[in-house]
Amino acid sequence: VQVRPRARNSRPPRVKSRGLDPNLELAPGERAVPHQRVAAYAIVRSRRGVLGTQCSERTAIPGLWQLPGGGLEPGETPSAGVVREVMEETAQQVRIERLIDVQSDHWVGRAPSGVLEDFQALRIIYTAVCDDPTQPRVLDEGGTTRAASWVPLRHWRSLQWTSGARSLLDRHLNTIPLR
């Protein structure tokens, strides 16, 4: 990662705060448990297109497409974490190019376990290249990824992407050179 002063046209990380879910039913005296999840994702390009992963039924958004990546293990660097996650979700070996974005999202709601959480998601976004793309397959079966695919660049907009992934692809996809 190269660090330099912010340019006039750069912007600080976006922070979305959804606050408390208005449909949330709280037990008397129930308090939210603070939880922060740090994750790393990548826009991955190859001669076959852009790499996408489809969310499984274990997520709140089954069927939507997103960028490969996920939560970091304790002590893991974000760049090592995204390389590991891409391999687990797609069976592709990638090379990190550069850090392009940091996103933060905050809400209070129930985790899949039923626990009330004051949740903050911190997402570190990279660009990456796959020099030797193969047929993607999900190695981490039973997780949050249902499927993975190389999407030809001229067709990526035809898939239903998460809003965050679509925004990142719109902004950065054409800036990733293939060497």
Foldseek 3Di string as FASTA:
>chain_A
DDDDDDDPPDDAADEAEPEEDPPDDDDVPADAAEDEFEKEFEFEQEPLATKWFAFPPLDPHGGAIATFIGTDDVPDDRVRRRQVRCCQAWVFGKDWDFWDHKYKYWYWDADPVRGTHRYMYIYTYTYIYGHDDDATDHNNPPDGTDGMGHDHHVCPVVGRHDPVRVVCCVPPVVVDDDD
